[in-house]
Structure formats: C-alpha cells, structure tokens
C-alpha cells in the first residue's frame, strides 16, 4: 500500500514494491543506503549468499554489498544487530567496513507514532575496501556480558552506565530469560539525539568516479543451446547430444557429479598410499584432474592415525570433488530425462476431460518401451546408482513413483515392478461445469469454486432459471447478509456461514430491521434461525475471574475499591464508582485516577499494604493487580566498596500474601452483591460468548488431478472446503487421519482455482 502511494506521489522516481532480496541490484553501485530494518524473527534466503540470514542481519550485509567503496549505510535496527552473542553479522562485515558510530534510542522513541515501546539503534557504516585490518574497532570486538545482569549480552560500544550514545537508562526485563531495554528518562529526546549524532565520525572521502549500473545486466551464455536456455525448468536436468545440463538458482551449468576418494598421508600431509578399495580406473581419473585441496568441495582428515594394519601410523584423508560424468552416467541421466518428459506429457493429457484416447495410448506405449529399455540397461529407477545421479531433479520423486516396491519371495530381496501408471489413466481430468440440474448443485459449484454465493454464475450454469427462481428453490440454503443490507448491498450467504460467526451482532442488526418493519426480506424468519443457534448463557459459577480481568466493568472495580480502601459504599450506577480507574489508550495500562490514588490512606488501606516499601497501601497493590503485574521489592546492600541491589525476599513474600488476600476480598465482595454478579456475568457473555464456529461441507468437492484410486474421507473434504473459503486452516487432526492427503488435496484445489501458484507442503 505504501509503495503504491509513493508511486502516485513521485511518478518520476523508480520505486520497487517487492522484497529487498528480489530486486536484482548491482553490487558496488550505490552511494548511500538508508533503511529501517523490518522487525521479525525469520531468515531470508538469497541466492547470492551461501546461507540464509536473519532479516536484520541480511539488511545490514546486503546494504553494505550494494554500496561502492566509500559508500555509506545508515540503518535503524533492533539492538540484536549489535548485541547478538553468536552468529553476529558484524564479524562478517568488519573486513571491509568502518563503523562511523551509533545512537541507542530509548523504548519511548517510537511510542507516539507507532504505539510501541522498543529499544532501537541508529547505526552508521562506511564501506572501506582498503581498511587496515590491524586497526581495532571496539564495535567489532564481540559482545560482552552486561555487568548488572549476566543473562544478557551487550556490544561494548554501547556499554557503560554513562555512555553518551545511550539515550536512557539500561534495565533488564524478565522476558525470554532476560531482555535488555533502554528506559526513556529525558523530556528532550530530539535534542539528545542531535547531540549524540555529533559524536558520529564524518565519513572518509574516497575517490570513486566510476559509476556502476544500479541493476544487474544479465548476460546470455551462448555456449548453452537455446532450447536448454529457454525450456529447462529450475532444479531440472536436460541434455543436448552427449552434454548434460542442470539449472539451479545460480543458472544453467554443464552437469557433473559429486565423487569421493580416500588415501593415506603422513603427519606432514604427504601422500603415502591409496585406499585398497579403489579401482585403478578411479585413481587414474582423479589423478588426471590435478585437484588441490582448495579446489575440492570438501576435505576430511582423520584426527588420529591408524592403530594397526598396513596403514598403521598414517592418517586417512577423504576428498569430495566434482567428477566429470562417465559415458554411462550420461546415458542414465538422458534416459531418465526422456522418461520424465514422457510421463509428464502423459499426466498432462489426462487433465483434459475430452482428451484423445489414441494420443494417450501412443504416449503410454512410449513410456512402456522407454522404461523397459532403461531397466534392461541401467536397472530400476529406484536403484541407488540412478537415484544418486538424478535425485537433485525436482521430478525424481515423480519418476520413482512409476515403480512399486515388493519383497521377492524367493530371495527376500527388495525389488521393483511397474506401477498402474503403465496400464491405465490414473489422473482425474479437470472438471469444467457448464450445466447443472438443480439450484443446490449450482450453489455447491459456486462454493467449491471459491466464489461464495454468486447468483450470476449460478444462473449461467442453471439455464432457464432466474435469480428469483433459484432463491425460491434454495429456500433456507442461502440467506441475505443483514450487515451488507444495511450498507445498501444485497449479498447472500450460505446457511452455514449465516449461522456462524458473531451471532449476537447479527441478532442485534436483524432485530433492528424487524423493529423498523422492513418488508424487503423475511427478517423475522432470519431472526428465528439466528436465535436457534444463540450460544447458551454461561453462568458465573463457570466463569473464572479475578482482579486484573479486563472484561470486568470499571464500575465493579470502583465499587470494590471504595468499600475496601475507604469503607464507603456506593451503588453500581453511581458516577463516583466510574471515576476510580482509567485506561491509557496507547499502552492499555490501568491507573487509579489522581483523585482516588492520592487520598489519605485509611487504617484498612494501610493494613493491606507492605509497611516500609513503595507498596505501603492496598491501593498501590490493587493497581498492580489490575495490570496483572507481580513486582518484587528490592533493597540495597554493600559488598566491599560496591553497592548492590538485591531482592528483599522477606518483604516480597509479604507482598505475595497481600496480593492473594486482596484477590480473596474481591471474590467475597462479588459474592455479597447479586447485582455485581449479574453485571460480571453479562459482561463476560456479551464479550466472549457471542460466536458460533462455522461448519464446512466439502461433500460436493471434486479435486482435479488427484489419482482416481484415492478417495477423500468426509472430514478431509470438509477441511479442504474450509481452506478454500477461509484461505487458511489449522489441521489439528489425529495421527493417521490423513492430514498429508488433506494438504495435497487443498493444494490441488487452490491451484486449480488460481488462488495459489506454488503451494509448499
């Protein structure tokens, strides 16, 4: 949305509305990158890097890669970027990056504009390809334990109680085992930021007059045949003549295979002997490669020398390397590519309802011939040698499914045989509905296609019937949406959708229409249907409540506070009880109003507090309970020359007891007043007992592309219907109930409807 608005406001500016990792920017091409790093606990996989990065780390690293030598990166990020103890991106960027400085903002910095309290850092970097690696920068030295609480770690640049770059006071919150936070204490934050920015270094001037293009210019490799370049799918093998090609995220390359070889070396690493299991042919092929350890994919050397045998005293070394494909390897892969293409064509032709049976038989015969020839030359598709060569192809699993595994009764060995795919059509053709015989069939077709109740579509497949006739025939199967009607729209809902969701709200709307004597629809009948599914009332005995339950009306808390802390009684309807507490609309914190909080404490109020602490009255404890807070009471002790703050266990224990006592007094208070009980019960039911879960009916679903020998069970059909209508679902089904098939069926259906393109299972 913001990107679309920006495009309208700045039509002459190039604006990309997609992920940072998706835009093909050219490295070393920007002068400056400014970014507000998105908050999130997930990783971004970019094909330009050999590993995925946490989102804030990715923005830092990718931004620095994009700027030219001398270019600058300025970011707003969470403090985790700097303070993270392990896997810190700072260790990767320090080789060619100079840290100009940073400012740690308090948790109040974005409260007024975003309504959130979070500690953030302003960070300034400059790329410096000629950086002196002997130059030690404090920021890159690694995080250290926070002195006041060893549970959390901090970057030494931001360490120190009076650090001028930290605009607030450090505190550790008891969240996720301890979370560092900067508490805002200044009323002049803007001025403080400007003062701290004065301490940020000015960037060095680096001459860089050559301007690289901003976007990557893709080069066409004409050594690869055009047929392969244009048609080879991602993660797929292809071939032209005797050359095998493979496409991955890095492009198309001539294929090879990963091989390994082992030999023995002395403690200096000098070669001594080949492993006795190697053939002369394999040794010769490896020697001809003239491969160094640096060029190998991986090298492993045993930590200890052999203790016995002819290799005693020697270390085993194993080298993993890319080996050229042999002629037989090429023939195997080419054969599997041909089988893959034929089988996919066979599946595709079955998807059309009126496919040519002759064309199908031609393809089926070809599949049988090619498979028989392949097996006679190279063995089963599931044989390990074939699997190892072809399993990086996305369609290998599909290819392997052509064979059914069985145990040979003669030798008890695992063998394979042809599946039913070699004998007959197994794929359900795509169903295109052009005509139905009943209004209910028209409705089910509309729902299964994800259209909702689409009367125009229903008329198109149920000819010679008007919308009025369809409505009459369906009766209560569809009902008018009262909320849409009030907005001037005539929209219909299926019965199960109408009788689910926020029932109380629907009843209120329909009651209004009935009271207005609206005659455009039978609202009285609709009201009767809604009343029939109204959730049964939940009584107070079945409701759990306490001080701090946010749904309890403020008047109840006000009446209790007056009686408990001032010994004065008021009616629930009295304006006084409404003036005891207030809720901050920004952070939701509950506070006692000044007029009540600062009254002189009564003897009872004082007796409910913890003497000699900041919670010395019951009102103060009551305010904490309203916010579901359980604070601790601390005291200062002296250890040597240092003063230390620790928990006062005795007073904190008394505080817990006082909190429990107040909760008991509140329960007794509620039990004394029937009108209070009624208000609490009514409030709970009004807020939390107003919805009815929707039931889904997928009995009319037809899943195109699903194998004909597979049938969905009713609960699976219903789950798929829910996914189609809601675009989401949690499959909390028992083990063995068919969740995988449900997800596959939903993927087929969503793809058929054009709602998704690449479902991920």
Foldseek 3Di string as FASTA:
>chain_A
DVQVVVCVVCVPDDTDDDDPLPAQWDFQFDQEAEEEQDDDQDWDDHPVDPDTDGRVLCVVVVRQRRHHQFHKYKYKAAQCQQWPQPPRSLLVQVQFKDWQDKAWEAQCPCCVPPLGGGIIMTTMMGGHNPDDPVDDDQSSPGWDQQPQDRQGTHRVQPHDQVRLRYQAGWDWDPDPSIDIGGHHDDPPRVVSNVVNVVSGHDGDDDDDPDHDDGGDDDDDDVVDPPCCQVDPDELAWDDDDLWIWHHHPVGIDTDFAKDKFKFWDAPVRHGDGGDPVDDPVVVVQVVVVVDDCVQFPHKDKDPDFDCDDPRGRIIMMMTIHTGHDDSVLSVLRNLLVVLLVLLVVLLVQQQAPPRDPVVNVVSLVVNVVSQVVSCVVPNQCPPPVNCSSRVSRPCSVVVNVQWDWDQDPPPRDIDIDGDCSSPDDFFHYHDDQQADAALVLLQLVCLLLLNFRDLVSSCRRHDPAHSVRSCVRCPLQKDFQLVVVVVVDTDIGGNLVLQFFQLVVSLVSLVVCVVVVPDPDPSVVSNVSSVVNQFDADAPVPDDDWQQPVLQDQLLVLQLCCCQWVVDGDDSPDPRSVQQWDADPSNRQIDGDPVNPPDDTDPRQQVLAQPPFPRRGVRVLSSCSNNVHQDFTWDWDDDPPDIHIDTPVVSSVVSVVSNVVVRVSSVVVCVVDPVSSVSRSVSCCVPPRRGHDGWFFQVSDDQGGHTPVDDDDRVLSRQLSCCSNVVDDDPPDDPPNQPVVSLVSSVSSCVVSVVDPDDDD
